[in-house]
């Protein structure tokens, strides 16, 4: 089971991610969208969407920092273990709570607006459950094994295992002794990665990056508009 979960499942999840993206782009290019429901309701969406997206971006940034930046690098720039754990605890908790608050607002909007609810599919509901479960389990794992001093040092186990996957030499032995909450969080994360191409989450791979490189659009004013004085009555023929 240890080899299956930590040696095989990561590559299965990655293969499903890549193959799903290729399939979606080839056969469902017009469905590669969030299926926005803004046309039905925009007031609450204008609040819920930024809250969720900023929260999930901070969550992703924290995971990239924690998993793929070794402790030796942070120590080299003067961030010791105590400072890193404090930053990880406070920043990670706030980011997770922000993401969950955004999801809660989005779900509330869907439940209280009939047209938006009718546009919600079973796939969307399953995606929300999986996403909230993943974020909530990450928060629980972090808070149940952390204090203001140290906390569980996942950078010597979970992070090393994650980096070993890219060397095609997974260190499955490192995962044997980590807390079960972190194991569940990791498994849910891999399932979520595999599910991305088959849900509305696929839109994260269609960010308009070309906007950063396209020429500027120049808008020129026509100047003040003037109205031509209209003569009274009929104009003379030939005038």
C-alpha atoms as a PDB file:
ATOM      1  CA  UNK A   1       0.000   0.000   0.000  1.00  0.00           C
ATOM      2  CA  UNK A   2       2.869   2.378   0.792  1.00  0.00           C
ATOM      3  CA  UNK A   3       4.342   1.858  -2.683  1.00  0.00           C
ATOM      4  CA  UNK A   4       0.934   2.165  -4.342  1.00  0.00           C
ATOM      5  CA  UNK A   5       0.031   5.450  -2.660  1.00  0.00           C
ATOM      6  CA  UNK A   6       3.380   7.219  -2.733  1.00  0.00           C
ATOM      7  CA  UNK A   7       5.152   5.520  -5.629  1.00  0.00           C
ATOM      8  CA  UNK A   8       2.415   4.904  -8.200  1.00  0.00           C
ATOM      9  CA  UNK A   9      -0.543   7.220  -7.445  1.00  0.00           C
ATOM     10  CA  UNK A  10       1.405  10.470  -8.071  1.00  0.00           C
ATOM     11  CA  UNK A  11       2.310   9.376 -11.589  1.00  0.00           C
ATOM     12  CA  UNK A  12      -1.220   8.106 -12.257  1.00  0.00           C
ATOM     13  CA  UNK A  13      -2.594  11.503 -11.180  1.00  0.00           C
ATOM     14  CA  UNK A  14      -0.116  13.334 -13.405  1.00  0.00           C
ATOM     15  CA  UNK A  15      -0.897  11.062 -16.367  1.00  0.00           C
ATOM     16  CA  UNK A  16      -4.631  11.693 -15.927  1.00  0.00           C
ATOM     17  CA  UNK A  17      -3.976  15.428 -15.711  1.00  0.00           C
ATOM     18  CA  UNK A  18      -1.948  15.564 -18.933  1.00  0.00           C
ATOM     19  CA  UNK A  19      -4.112  13.131 -20.921  1.00  0.00           C
ATOM     20  CA  UNK A  20      -7.267  14.878 -19.723  1.00  0.00           C
ATOM     21  CA  UNK A  21      -5.972  18.275 -20.807  1.00  0.00           C
ATOM     22  CA  UNK A  22      -5.022  16.922 -24.230  1.00  0.00           C
ATOM     23  CA  UNK A  23      -8.406  15.209 -24.647  1.00  0.00           C
ATOM     24  CA  UNK A  24     -10.319  18.275 -23.456  1.00  0.00           C
ATOM     25  CA  UNK A  25      -8.427  20.582 -25.782  1.00  0.00           C
ATOM     26  CA  UNK A  26      -8.959  18.305 -28.766  1.00  0.00           C
ATOM     27  CA  UNK A  27     -12.566  17.241 -28.307  1.00  0.00           C
ATOM     28  CA  UNK A  28     -14.127  19.823 -25.985  1.00  0.00           C
ATOM     29  CA  UNK A  29     -12.333  23.064 -26.747  1.00  0.00           C
ATOM     30  CA  UNK A  30     -15.507  25.125 -26.532  1.00  0.00           C
ATOM     31  CA  UNK A  31     -16.311  23.540 -23.170  1.00  0.00           C
ATOM     32  CA  UNK A  32     -12.936  24.601 -21.758  1.00  0.00           C
ATOM     33  CA  UNK A  33     -14.477  27.285 -19.582  1.00  0.00           C
ATOM     34  CA  UNK A  34     -15.785  28.065 -16.128  1.00  0.00           C
ATOM     35  CA  UNK A  35     -19.340  28.100 -17.509  1.00  0.00           C
ATOM     36  CA  UNK A  36     -19.788  31.482 -15.897  1.00  0.00           C
ATOM     37  CA  UNK A  37     -23.187  32.237 -14.382  1.00  0.00           C
ATOM     38  CA  UNK A  38     -22.541  35.972 -14.095  1.00  0.00           C
ATOM     39  CA  UNK A  39     -25.438  36.644 -16.439  1.00  0.00           C
ATOM     40  CA  UNK A  40     -27.811  35.364 -13.725  1.00  0.00           C
ATOM     41  CA  UNK A  41     -26.266  37.143 -10.731  1.00  0.00           C
ATOM     42  CA  UNK A  42     -23.241  39.418 -10.494  1.00  0.00           C
ATOM     43  CA  UNK A  43     -23.408  41.316  -7.189  1.00  0.00           C
ATOM     44  CA  UNK A  44     -22.447  38.444  -4.880  1.00  0.00           C
ATOM     45  CA  UNK A  45     -20.191  36.892  -7.522  1.00  0.00           C
ATOM     46  CA  UNK A  46     -18.099  40.074  -7.636  1.00  0.00           C
ATOM     47  CA  UNK A  47     -17.268  39.469  -3.954  1.00  0.00           C
ATOM     48  CA  UNK A  48     -17.093  35.675  -3.779  1.00  0.00           C
ATOM     49  CA  UNK A  49     -14.932  35.118  -6.853  1.00  0.00           C
ATOM     50  CA  UNK A  50     -12.017  37.391  -5.854  1.00  0.00           C
ATOM     51  CA  UNK A  51     -12.073  36.065  -2.276  1.00  0.00           C
ATOM     52  CA  UNK A  52     -11.820  32.478  -3.498  1.00  0.00           C
ATOM     53  CA  UNK A  53      -9.244  33.112  -6.211  1.00  0.00           C
ATOM     54  CA  UNK A  54      -6.915  35.157  -3.994  1.00  0.00           C
ATOM     55  CA  UNK A  55      -7.225  32.555  -1.257  1.00  0.00           C
ATOM     56  CA  UNK A  56      -6.484  29.597  -3.524  1.00  0.00           C
ATOM     57  CA  UNK A  57      -3.552  31.421  -5.152  1.00  0.00           C
ATOM     58  CA  UNK A  58      -2.013  32.045  -1.733  1.00  0.00           C
ATOM     59  CA  UNK A  59      -2.610  28.382  -0.845  1.00  0.00           C
ATOM     60  CA  UNK A  60      -0.868  27.213  -4.024  1.00  0.00           C
ATOM     61  CA  UNK A  61       2.028  29.618  -3.477  1.00  0.00           C
ATOM     62  CA  UNK A  62       2.476  28.314   0.062  1.00  0.00           C
ATOM     63  CA  UNK A  63       2.521  24.717  -1.141  1.00  0.00           C
ATOM     64  CA  UNK A  64       5.099  25.481  -3.834  1.00  0.00           C
ATOM     65  CA  UNK A  65       7.281  27.252  -1.279  1.00  0.00           C
ATOM     66  CA  UNK A  66       6.946  24.524   1.335  1.00  0.00           C
ATOM     67  CA  UNK A  67       7.422  21.536  -0.958  1.00  0.00           C
ATOM     68  CA  UNK A  68       9.967  22.716  -3.487  1.00  0.00           C
ATOM     69  CA  UNK A  69      12.149  25.223  -1.622  1.00  0.00           C
ATOM     70  CA  UNK A  70      14.581  23.302   0.622  1.00  0.00           C
ATOM     71  CA  UNK A  71      15.205  24.425   4.168  1.00  0.00           C
ATOM     72  CA  UNK A  72      18.833  25.178   3.280  1.00  0.00           C
ATOM     73  CA  UNK A  73      17.661  27.865   0.860  1.00  0.00           C
ATOM     74  CA  UNK A  74      15.472  29.669   3.387  1.00  0.00           C
ATOM     75  CA  UNK A  75      18.217  29.399   6.009  1.00  0.00           C
ATOM     76  CA  UNK A  76      20.659  30.943   3.547  1.00  0.00           C
ATOM     77  CA  UNK A  77      18.570  34.110   3.286  1.00  0.00           C
ATOM     78  CA  UNK A  78      18.212  34.403   7.053  1.00  0.00           C
ATOM     79  CA  UNK A  79      14.826  32.723   7.593  1.00  0.00           C
ATOM     80  CA  UNK A  80      15.398  30.240  10.416  1.00  0.00           C
ATOM     81  CA  UNK A  81      13.175  27.291  11.235  1.00  0.00           C
ATOM     82  CA  UNK A  82      11.179  29.153  13.888  1.00  0.00           C
ATOM     83  CA  UNK A  83      10.417  32.089  11.568  1.00  0.00           C
ATOM     84  CA  UNK A  84       9.516  29.760   8.715  1.00  0.00           C
ATOM     85  CA  UNK A  85       7.125  27.704  10.867  1.00  0.00           C
ATOM     86  CA  UNK A  86       5.466  30.854  12.193  1.00  0.00           C
ATOM     87  CA  UNK A  87       5.046  32.240   8.682  1.00  0.00           C
ATOM     88  CA  UNK A  88       3.752  28.896   7.438  1.00  0.00           C
ATOM     89  CA  UNK A  89       1.274  28.576  10.298  1.00  0.00           C
ATOM     90  CA  UNK A  90      -0.146  32.102  10.166  1.00  0.00           C
ATOM     91  CA  UNK A  91       0.045  32.633   6.403  1.00  0.00           C
ATOM     92  CA  UNK A  92      -1.173  29.144   5.518  1.00  0.00           C
ATOM     93  CA  UNK A  93      -4.091  29.333   7.926  1.00  0.00           C
ATOM     94  CA  UNK A  94      -5.224  32.735   6.671  1.00  0.00           C
ATOM     95  CA  UNK A  95      -4.927  31.613   3.031  1.00  0.00           C
ATOM     96  CA  UNK A  96      -6.898  28.433   3.694  1.00  0.00           C
ATOM     97  CA  UNK A  97      -9.629  30.276   5.569  1.00  0.00           C
ATOM     98  CA  UNK A  98      -9.844  32.856   2.787  1.00  0.00           C
ATOM     99  CA  UNK A  99     -10.238  30.122   0.152  1.00  0.00           C
ATOM    100  CA  UNK A 100     -12.915  28.315   2.166  1.00  0.00           C
ATOM    101  CA  UNK A 101     -14.762  31.589   2.748  1.00  0.00           C
ATOM    102  CA  UNK A 102     -14.757  32.171  -0.994  1.00  0.00           C
ATOM    103  CA  UNK A 103     -16.104  28.683  -1.680  1.00  0.00           C
ATOM    104  CA  UNK A 104     -18.771  29.160   1.005  1.00  0.00           C
ATOM    105  CA  UNK A 105     -19.925  32.376  -0.659  1.00  0.00           C
ATOM    106  CA  UNK A 106     -19.986  30.717  -4.085  1.00  0.00           C
ATOM    107  CA  UNK A 107     -22.013  27.781  -2.757  1.00  0.00           C
ATOM    108  CA  UNK A 108     -24.395  30.117  -0.911  1.00  0.00           C
ATOM    109  CA  UNK A 109     -24.898  32.042  -4.147  1.00  0.00           C
ATOM    110  CA  UNK A 110     -25.701  28.851  -6.014  1.00  0.00           C
ATOM    111  CA  UNK A 111     -28.139  27.642  -3.368  1.00  0.00           C
ATOM    112  CA  UNK A 112     -30.036  30.923  -3.071  1.00  0.00           C
ATOM    113  CA  UNK A 113     -30.294  31.876  -6.742  1.00  0.00           C
ATOM    114  CA  UNK A 114     -32.609  29.622  -8.740  1.00  0.00           C
ATOM    115  CA  UNK A 115     -31.112  30.170 -12.227  1.00  0.00           C
ATOM    116  CA  UNK A 116     -27.575  29.641 -10.890  1.00  0.00           C
ATOM    117  CA  UNK A 117     -28.704  26.503  -9.047  1.00  0.00           C
ATOM    118  CA  UNK A 118     -30.255  25.095 -12.214  1.00  0.00           C
ATOM    119  CA  UNK A 119     -26.959  25.680 -14.007  1.00  0.00           C
ATOM    120  CA  UNK A 120     -25.073  23.659 -11.350  1.00  0.00           C
ATOM    121  CA  UNK A 121     -24.227  20.117 -12.424  1.00  0.00           C
ATOM    122  CA  UNK A 122     -23.420  17.023 -10.378  1.00  0.00           C
ATOM    123  CA  UNK A 123     -19.856  17.441 -11.552  1.00  0.00           C
ATOM    124  CA  UNK A 124     -19.783  20.912  -9.977  1.00  0.00           C
ATOM    125  CA  UNK A 125     -21.128  19.597  -6.678  1.00  0.00           C
ATOM    126  CA  UNK A 126     -18.537  16.811  -6.544  1.00  0.00           C
ATOM    127  CA  UNK A 127     -15.803  19.320  -7.378  1.00  0.00           C
ATOM    128  CA  UNK A 128     -16.864  21.614  -4.530  1.00  0.00           C
ATOM    129  CA  UNK A 129     -16.877  18.716  -2.048  1.00  0.00           C
ATOM    130  CA  UNK A 130     -13.432  17.537  -3.148  1.00  0.00           C
ATOM    131  CA  UNK A 131     -11.969  21.036  -3.132  1.00  0.00           C
ATOM    132  CA  UNK A 132     -13.328  21.973   0.293  1.00  0.00           C
ATOM    133  CA  UNK A 133     -12.299  18.593   1.698  1.00  0.00           C
ATOM    134  CA  UNK A 134      -8.750  19.068   0.452  1.00  0.00           C
ATOM    135  CA  UNK A 135      -8.402  22.586   1.868  1.00  0.00           C
ATOM    136  CA  UNK A 136     -10.083  21.695   5.170  1.00  0.00           C
ATOM    137  CA  UNK A 137      -7.893  18.619   5.654  1.00  0.00           C
ATOM    138  CA  UNK A 138      -4.801  20.707   4.971  1.00  0.00           C
ATOM    139  CA  UNK A 139      -5.878  23.216   7.619  1.00  0.00           C
ATOM    140  CA  UNK A 140      -6.649  20.470  10.097  1.00  0.00           C
ATOM    141  CA  UNK A 141      -3.316  18.752   9.493  1.00  0.00           C
ATOM    142  CA  UNK A 142      -1.452  22.011   9.928  1.00  0.00           C
ATOM    143  CA  UNK A 143      -3.268  23.210  13.028  1.00  0.00           C
ATOM    144  CA  UNK A 144      -3.350  19.831  14.794  1.00  0.00           C
ATOM    145  CA  UNK A 145       0.430  19.432  14.527  1.00  0.00           C
ATOM    146  CA  UNK A 146       1.619  22.996  14.999  1.00  0.00           C
ATOM    147  CA  UNK A 147       2.293  25.565  17.650  1.00  0.00           C
ATOM    148  CA  UNK A 148       3.921  28.978  17.680  1.00  0.00           C
ATOM    149  CA  UNK A 149       7.307  27.402  18.287  1.00  0.00           C
ATOM    150  CA  UNK A 150       7.939  24.473  15.989  1.00  0.00           C
ATOM    151  CA  UNK A 151       5.223  22.192  14.616  1.00  0.00           C
ATOM    152  CA  UNK A 152       5.570  19.153  12.381  1.00  0.00           C
ATOM    153  CA  UNK A 153       8.611  19.468  10.114  1.00  0.00           C
ATOM    154  CA  UNK A 154       7.176  18.254   6.815  1.00  0.00           C
ATOM    155  CA  UNK A 155      10.132  19.684   4.899  1.00  0.00           C
ATOM    156  CA  UNK A 156      12.293  16.734   5.934  1.00  0.00           C
ATOM    157  CA  UNK A 157       9.748  14.100   4.891  1.00  0.00           C
ATOM    158  CA  UNK A 158       6.802  15.146   2.729  1.00  0.00           C
ATOM    159  CA  UNK A 159       8.729  17.821   0.829  1.00  0.00           C
ATOM    160  CA  UNK A 160      11.693  15.534   0.136  1.00  0.00           C
ATOM    161  CA  UNK A 161       9.292  12.855  -1.141  1.00  0.00           C
ATOM    162  CA  UNK A 162       7.564  15.391  -3.421  1.00  0.00           C
ATOM    163  CA  UNK A 163      10.861  16.498  -4.958  1.00  0.00           C
ATOM    164  CA  UNK A 164      11.979  12.900  -5.419  1.00  0.00           C
ATOM    165  CA  UNK A 165       9.004  12.302  -7.720  1.00  0.00           C
ATOM    166  CA  UNK A 166      10.560  14.606 -10.322  1.00  0.00           C
ATOM    167  CA  UNK A 167      13.752  12.548 -10.237  1.00  0.00           C
ATOM    168  CA  UNK A 168      11.666   9.431 -10.978  1.00  0.00           C
ATOM    169  CA  UNK A 169      12.995   7.932  -7.763  1.00  0.00           C
ATOM    170  CA  UNK A 170      10.148   8.330  -5.232  1.00  0.00           C
ATOM    171  CA  UNK A 171      11.290   8.138  -1.605  1.00  0.00           C
ATOM    172  CA  UNK A 172       8.277   6.161  -0.411  1.00  0.00           C
ATOM    173  CA  UNK A 173      10.069   5.289   2.825  1.00  0.00           C
ATOM    174  CA  UNK A 174       9.785   8.900   3.985  1.00  0.00           C
ATOM    175  CA  UNK A 175       5.993   8.738   3.957  1.00  0.00           C
ATOM    176  CA  UNK A 176       5.703   5.806   6.340  1.00  0.00           C
ATOM    177  CA  UNK A 177       5.995   7.810   9.548  1.00  0.00           C
ATOM    178  CA  UNK A 178       4.203  11.074   8.751  1.00  0.00           C
ATOM    179  CA  UNK A 179       0.906  11.890  10.524  1.00  0.00           C
ATOM    180  CA  UNK A 180      -2.177  10.374   8.939  1.00  0.00           C
ATOM    181  CA  UNK A 181      -3.748  13.814   8.454  1.00  0.00           C
ATOM    182  CA  UNK A 182      -0.925  14.812   6.113  1.00  0.00           C
ATOM    183  CA  UNK A 183      -1.306  11.503   4.255  1.00  0.00           C
ATOM    184  CA  UNK A 184      -5.014  12.113   3.681  1.00  0.00           C
ATOM    185  CA  UNK A 185      -4.265  15.665   2.559  1.00  0.00           C
ATOM    186  CA  UNK A 186      -1.669  14.389   0.078  1.00  0.00           C
ATOM    187  CA  UNK A 187      -3.991  11.705  -1.341  1.00  0.00           C
ATOM    188  CA  UNK A 188      -6.865  14.179  -1.746  1.00  0.00           C
ATOM    189  CA  UNK A 189      -4.451  16.559  -3.449  1.00  0.00           C
ATOM    190  CA  UNK A 190      -3.458  13.922  -5.995  1.00  0.00           C
ATOM    191  CA  UNK A 191      -7.108  13.039  -6.643  1.00  0.00           C
ATOM    192  CA  UNK A 192      -7.862  16.749  -7.145  1.00  0.00           C
ATOM    193  CA  UNK A 193      -4.970  17.103  -9.597  1.00  0.00           C
ATOM    194  CA  UNK A 194      -6.285  14.134 -11.598  1.00  0.00           C
ATOM    195  CA  UNK A 195      -9.816  15.579 -11.623  1.00  0.00           C
ATOM    196  CA  UNK A 196      -8.884  19.082 -12.830  1.00  0.00           C
ATOM    197  CA  UNK A 197      -9.289  18.446 -16.606  1.00  0.00           C
ATOM    198  CA  UNK A 198     -12.740  16.952 -16.113  1.00  0.00           C
ATOM    199  CA  UNK A 199     -14.217  19.829 -14.073  1.00  0.00           C
ATOM    200  CA  UNK A 200     -14.597  23.584 -14.411  1.00  0.00           C
ATOM    201  CA  UNK A 201     -11.223  23.878 -12.655  1.00  0.00           C
ATOM    202  CA  UNK A 202      -9.686  23.296 -16.085  1.00  0.00           C
ATOM    203  CA  UNK A 203      -9.957  27.030 -16.712  1.00  0.00           C
ATOM    204  CA  UNK A 204      -6.795  27.544 -14.646  1.00  0.00           C
ATOM    205  CA  UNK A 205      -4.883  26.365 -17.718  1.00  0.00           C
ATOM    206  CA  UNK A 206      -6.478  28.955 -19.965  1.00  0.00           C
ATOM    207  CA  UNK A 207      -5.286  32.112 -18.250  1.00  0.00           C
ATOM    208  CA  UNK A 208      -4.885  34.905 -20.834  1.00  0.00           C
ATOM    209  CA  UNK A 209      -1.098  35.155 -20.489  1.00  0.00           C
ATOM    210  CA  UNK A 210      -0.870  36.679 -23.967  1.00  0.00           C
ATOM    211  CA  UNK A 211      -2.309  39.862 -22.476  1.00  0.00           C
ATOM    212  CA  UNK A 212       1.100  40.525 -20.898  1.00  0.00           C
ATOM    213  CA  UNK A 213       2.820  40.500 -24.280  1.00  0.00           C
ATOM    214  CA  UNK A 214       0.320  42.045 -26.692  1.00  0.00           C
ATOM    215  CA  UNK A 215       0.738  45.675 -27.803  1.00  0.00           C
ATOM    216  CA  UNK A 216      -0.995  48.383 -25.872  1.00  0.00           C
ATOM    217  CA  UNK A 217      -4.395  49.484 -27.086  1.00  0.00           C
ATOM    218  CA  UNK A 218      -4.424  53.218 -27.717  1.00  0.00           C
ATOM    219  CA  UNK A 219      -7.707  55.059 -27.292  1.00  0.00           C
ATOM    220  CA  UNK A 220      -8.030  58.540 -28.766  1.00  0.00           C
ATOM    221  CA  UNK A 221     -10.771  60.984 -27.940  1.00  0.00           C
ATOM    222  CA  UNK A 222     -12.689  62.683 -30.738  1.00  0.00           C
ATOM    223  CA  UNK A 223     -12.853  65.834 -28.710  1.00  0.00           C
ATOM    224  CA  UNK A 224     -15.988  67.572 -27.473  1.00  0.00           C
ATOM    225  CA  UNK A 225     -19.106  66.755 -29.424  1.00  0.00           C
ATOM    226  CA  UNK A 226     -20.859  69.709 -30.985  1.00  0.00           C
ATOM    227  CA  UNK A 227     -24.383  69.815 -32.262  1.00  0.00           C
ATOM    228  CA  UNK A 228     -25.112  71.488 -35.591  1.00  0.00           C
ATOM    229  CA  UNK A 229     -27.678  74.204 -35.226  1.00  0.00           C
ATOM    230  CA  UNK A 230     -30.895  73.087 -36.819  1.00  0.00           C
ATOM    231  CA  UNK A 231     -32.793  75.669 -38.880  1.00  0.00           C
ATOM    232  CA  UNK A 232     -36.404  76.352 -38.120  1.00  0.00           C
ATOM    233  CA  UNK A 233     -38.913  74.957 -40.591  1.00  0.00           C
ATOM    234  CA  UNK A 234     -38.074  73.445 -43.968  1.00  0.00           C
ATOM    235  CA  UNK A 235     -34.796  73.986 -45.791  1.00  0.00           C
ATOM    236  CA  UNK A 236     -35.089  75.654 -49.152  1.00  0.00           C
ATOM    237  CA  UNK A 237     -34.488  73.503 -52.181  1.00  0.00           C
ATOM    238  CA  UNK A 238     -30.947  73.971 -53.403  1.00  0.00           C
ATOM    239  CA  UNK A 239     -29.874  75.644 -50.186  1.00  0.00           C
END
